[in-house]
Protein backbone atom coordinates (compact mmCIF):
# COMPACT_ATOMS: atom_id res chain seq x y z
CA MET A 1 -12.34 -0.14 -1.57
CA THR A 2 -11.96 -1.84 -5.54
CA THR A 3 -13.48 -0.17 -8.42
CA THR A 4 -12.16 -2.05 -11.44
CA ALA A 5 -14.03 -4.24 -14.00
CA GLU A 6 -12.34 -7.14 -12.97
CA ALA A 7 -12.64 -7.01 -9.17
CA ALA A 8 -16.29 -6.20 -9.27
CA SER A 9 -16.54 -10.06 -11.58
CA GLN A 10 -14.58 -11.87 -8.68
CA ASP A 11 -17.42 -11.32 -6.27
CA PRO A 12 -19.52 -14.00 -7.33
CA VAL A 13 -16.22 -16.18 -7.11
CA LEU A 14 -15.13 -15.09 -4.12
CA ARG A 15 -18.83 -15.88 -2.90
CA ARG A 16 -18.62 -19.41 -4.38
CA LEU A 17 -15.53 -19.98 -2.51
CA GLY A 18 -16.91 -19.34 0.30
CA PHE A 19 -15.83 -15.97 1.21
CA ALA A 20 -19.12 -13.98 3.15
CA ALA A 21 -19.53 -11.04 5.16
CA SER A 22 -18.05 -10.37 8.30
CA GLN A 23 -15.57 -13.28 8.10
CA VAL A 24 -12.19 -12.97 9.29
CA VAL A 25 -9.74 -14.19 7.18
CA GLN A 26 -6.11 -14.85 7.51
CA GLU A 27 -3.64 -14.03 5.03
CA VAL A 28 -0.28 -16.05 4.56
CA GLY A 29 2.19 -16.21 1.99
CA TRP A 30 2.18 -12.40 0.79
CA ASP A 31 4.38 -11.59 -1.35
CA ASP A 32 5.04 -8.45 -3.82
CA ASP A 33 3.78 -10.56 -6.59
CA VAL A 34 0.42 -11.21 -5.25
CA ASP A 35 -2.68 -9.47 -7.13
CA ASN A 36 -4.09 -6.67 -4.85
CA ASP A 37 -7.43 -6.91 -6.48
CA LEU A 38 -7.64 -9.56 -5.52
CA ARG A 39 -7.24 -9.52 -1.59
CA PHE A 40 -9.22 -6.12 -1.92
CA ALA A 41 -12.09 -8.29 -3.34
CA VAL A 42 -11.98 -10.35 -0.60
CA GLU A 43 -12.03 -7.48 2.27
CA ASP A 44 -14.92 -6.38 0.28
CA VAL A 45 -16.75 -9.64 0.62
CA THR A 46 -16.22 -10.25 3.67
CA THR A 47 -16.18 -6.72 4.66
CA THR A 48 -13.26 -7.30 7.04
CA ASP A 49 -9.36 -6.28 6.76
CA LEU A 50 -7.06 -9.42 6.15
CA GLU A 51 -5.30 -10.86 9.12
CA ASP A 52 -1.80 -11.47 9.11
CA GLU A 53 0.60 -14.48 9.27
CA ASP A 54 0.94 -13.59 13.03
CA TYR A 55 -2.74 -13.19 13.55
CA ALA A 56 -3.03 -15.61 17.11
CA ASP A 57 -6.71 -15.78 17.31
CA VAL A 58 -9.55 -18.21 15.63
CA ALA A 59 -10.03 -17.62 11.84
CA ASP A 60 -12.67 -18.08 9.39
CA ALA A 61 -10.40 -18.76 6.35
CA VAL A 62 -6.94 -18.62 5.24
CA LEU A 63 -6.00 -16.73 1.77
CA MET A 64 -2.91 -18.61 1.29
CA TRP A 65 -0.56 -17.79 -1.52
CA PHE A 66 1.84 -20.48 -2.66
CA ARG A 67 4.15 -21.09 -5.35
CA GLU A 68 6.93 -23.68 -6.25
CA GLY A 69 9.41 -23.74 -4.08
CA ASP A 70 7.96 -21.97 -1.28
CA GLY A 71 8.57 -24.47 0.77
CA ASP A 72 6.87 -28.05 1.70
CA LEU A 73 3.03 -27.22 0.77
CA VAL A 74 2.29 -30.06 3.34
CA ASP A 75 3.66 -28.09 5.90
CA GLU A 76 2.38 -24.88 4.78
CA LEU A 77 -1.29 -26.46 4.76
CA VAL A 78 -0.89 -28.00 8.13
CA ASP A 79 0.46 -24.39 9.77
CA CYS A 80 -2.75 -22.95 8.10
CA LEU A 81 -5.18 -25.04 10.39
CA THR A 82 -3.38 -23.87 13.69
CA ASN A 83 -5.72 -21.25 13.91
CA LEU A 84 -9.04 -22.54 11.69
CA GLY A 85 -12.38 -22.56 13.42
CA ASP A 86 -14.17 -25.65 12.99
CA ASP A 87 -16.28 -24.63 9.75
CA GLY A 88 -13.27 -22.95 8.29
CA PHE A 89 -11.48 -23.28 5.03
CA VAL A 90 -8.30 -22.31 3.37
CA VAL A 91 -8.66 -20.41 -0.57
CA LEU A 92 -4.88 -21.84 -1.31
CA LEU A 93 -4.09 -19.51 -4.33
CA SER A 94 -1.01 -20.69 -6.76
CA PRO A 95 0.07 -19.07 -10.08
CA ARG A 96 -1.70 -20.15 -12.87
CA ALA A 97 -0.48 -22.49 -15.37
CA GLY A 98 2.72 -21.38 -17.78
CA ARG A 99 3.05 -18.58 -15.24
CA ASP A 100 6.27 -18.69 -12.86
CA GLY A 101 5.72 -20.55 -9.85
CA PHE A 102 3.47 -22.81 -10.94
CA VAL A 103 2.30 -25.87 -8.89
CA GLN A 104 0.50 -29.05 -10.54
CA PRO A 105 -2.87 -29.66 -9.75
CA SER A 106 -1.98 -33.52 -8.88
CA ASP A 107 0.73 -32.23 -6.30
CA ILE A 108 -1.62 -29.37 -4.74
CA GLU A 109 -4.40 -32.34 -4.47
CA GLU A 110 -1.84 -34.32 -2.87
CA SER A 111 -0.46 -32.66 -0.30
CA ALA A 112 -3.73 -31.68 0.58
CA VAL A 113 -5.26 -34.99 1.37
CA THR A 114 -1.76 -35.40 3.37
CA ALA A 115 -2.81 -32.54 5.55
CA GLY A 116 -6.26 -33.93 6.13
CA LEU A 117 -8.12 -31.43 3.76
CA HIS A 118 -9.85 -32.16 0.52
CA THR A 119 -10.62 -30.03 -2.25
CA ALA A 120 -14.11 -28.20 -2.43
CA GLY A 121 -13.95 -26.46 -5.49
CA VAL A 122 -11.26 -24.17 -7.89
CA ALA A 123 -11.51 -21.16 -9.62
CA ASN A 124 -9.46 -18.92 -12.04
CA VAL A 125 -9.87 -15.72 -9.78
CA SER A 126 -7.30 -13.35 -11.72
CA SER A 127 -5.35 -13.49 -14.89
CA SER A 128 -2.63 -14.96 -12.90
CA TRP A 129 -3.70 -16.59 -10.10
CA SER A 130 -6.25 -19.59 -9.75
CA ALA A 131 -7.89 -20.80 -6.58
CA VAL A 132 -8.66 -24.20 -4.92
CA ARG A 133 -10.83 -24.41 -1.96
CA LEU A 134 -9.67 -26.88 0.54
CA VAL A 135 -11.75 -27.95 3.41
CA SER A 136 -11.78 -31.02 6.31
CA PRO A 137 -13.97 -33.56 5.20
CA LYS A 138 -17.32 -33.33 7.06
CA GLY A 139 -17.78 -35.34 10.19
CA GLN A 140 -14.09 -35.34 10.71
CA ARG A 141 -12.88 -32.88 13.75
CA ARG A 142 -9.44 -31.79 14.26
């Protein structure tokens, strides 16, 4: 799928965020500004196509694109949990500092906690987007 040098360098970062072969990944918040190389790199790592927002089965992970002004982050995160499996995780992608739509890290942290999640890693996954891995606290069952 992807052959660019940037995409190849994303593989270890995506694996550290929790992506692995055969995972079902639901993508939410897609718009024209997303990083398609990053999307394709996730598909390369998982060996599956991304599922869209209408996916109604169990997902291993959610790839969530979110920008300042996209709505209420807590509500969006809670919605992401609907199809998420017990050991699933959310990778929240937001524009990097200085870019349109930048979301303050403190807003992400506060919203995650309110939604019942906590941060479990951060990464700059492309020149335009940062990623935060969000998981349910250990021992917590939804």
